């Protein structure tokens, strides 16, 4: 049953909710569509994680370069706090 309570999926509902399949769709086709949706979601999550990892790597690299620059500017006889 869909959100409208009619037991049928309408075009806009199917697009919004890919797991809601028309009654004429066989089980194998519905399962394949579900798995395709799952794969797309996993790829999107992976892409997001890669983006976050790239940002973290850039932040680490920038911080390391700032520390190295501070070490180069600070004479060895003085200690930084």
Protein backbone atom coordinates (compact mmCIF):
# COMPACT_ATOMS: atom_id res chain seq x y z
CA UNK A 1 0.00 0.00 0.00
CA UNK A 2 1.41 3.41 -0.88
CA UNK A 3 1.20 6.61 1.14
CA UNK A 4 -2.10 7.51 -0.47
CA UNK A 5 -3.71 4.34 0.87
CA UNK A 6 -5.02 3.13 -2.48
CA UNK A 7 -2.77 0.09 -2.77
CA UNK A 8 -1.52 1.33 -6.14
CA UNK A 9 1.60 3.25 -7.03
CA UNK A 10 1.24 6.38 -9.06
CA UNK A 11 3.91 7.71 -11.39
CA UNK A 12 5.13 10.41 -9.04
CA UNK A 13 5.03 8.04 -6.08
CA UNK A 14 7.12 5.44 -7.89
CA UNK A 15 9.70 8.07 -8.73
CA UNK A 16 9.81 9.25 -5.14
CA UNK A 17 9.71 5.78 -3.64
CA UNK A 18 11.48 3.27 -5.93
CA UNK A 19 10.54 0.38 -3.65
CA UNK A 20 6.88 0.99 -4.48
CA UNK A 21 6.35 -1.04 -7.63
CA UNK A 22 3.23 -1.47 -9.79
CA UNK A 23 1.23 -4.64 -9.19
CA UNK A 24 2.02 -5.93 -12.68
CA UNK A 25 5.76 -6.09 -11.92
CA UNK A 26 6.99 -9.56 -11.13
CA UNK A 27 9.01 -10.27 -8.02
CA UNK A 28 12.34 -10.74 -9.84
CA UNK A 29 12.05 -7.37 -11.59
CA UNK A 30 11.07 -5.66 -8.33
CA UNK A 31 14.03 -7.26 -6.51
CA UNK A 32 16.40 -6.17 -9.29
CA UNK A 33 15.07 -2.60 -9.08
CA UNK A 34 15.52 -2.67 -5.30
CA UNK A 35 19.09 -3.91 -5.65
CA UNK A 36 19.84 -1.24 -8.27
CA UNK A 37 18.51 1.42 -5.91
CA UNK A 38 20.62 -0.04 -3.09
CA UNK A 39 23.71 0.04 -5.31
CA UNK A 40 23.08 3.67 -6.25
CA UNK A 41 22.71 4.61 -2.59
CA UNK A 42 25.92 2.79 -1.64
CA UNK A 43 27.83 4.52 -4.45
CA UNK A 44 26.51 7.89 -3.32
CA UNK A 45 27.60 7.14 0.25
CA UNK A 46 31.04 6.08 -1.01
CA UNK A 47 31.40 9.26 -3.06
CA UNK A 48 30.43 11.33 -0.04
CA UNK A 49 32.94 9.50 2.15
CA UNK A 50 35.68 10.03 -0.47
CA UNK A 51 34.89 13.76 -0.51
CA UNK A 52 35.07 13.96 3.28
CA UNK A 53 38.32 11.98 3.29
CA UNK A 54 39.86 14.32 0.71
CA UNK A 55 38.88 17.32 2.83
CA UNK A 56 40.39 15.74 5.94
CA UNK A 57 43.60 14.88 4.09
CA UNK A 58 43.87 18.47 2.87
CA UNK A 59 43.33 19.81 6.40
CA UNK A 60 45.99 17.46 7.80
CA UNK A 61 48.45 18.45 5.08
CA UNK A 62 47.80 22.17 5.64
CA UNK A 63 48.23 21.84 9.41
CA UNK A 64 51.47 19.89 8.97
CA UNK A 65 52.81 22.55 6.61
CA UNK A 66 51.86 25.29 9.10
CA UNK A 67 53.69 23.42 11.88
CA UNK A 68 56.74 22.98 9.64
CA UNK A 69 56.66 26.70 8.80
CA UNK A 70 56.47 27.59 12.51
CA UNK A 71 59.39 25.24 13.23
CA UNK A 72 61.43 26.92 10.49
CA UNK A 73 60.68 30.42 11.83
CA UNK A 74 61.35 29.58 15.50
CA UNK A 75 65.05 29.55 16.49
CA UNK A 76 66.10 26.24 17.99
CA UNK A 77 67.14 27.90 21.28
CA UNK A 78 63.55 28.99 21.95
CA UNK A 79 60.76 26.54 22.58
CA UNK A 80 57.25 27.18 21.39
CA UNK A 81 54.40 26.73 23.78
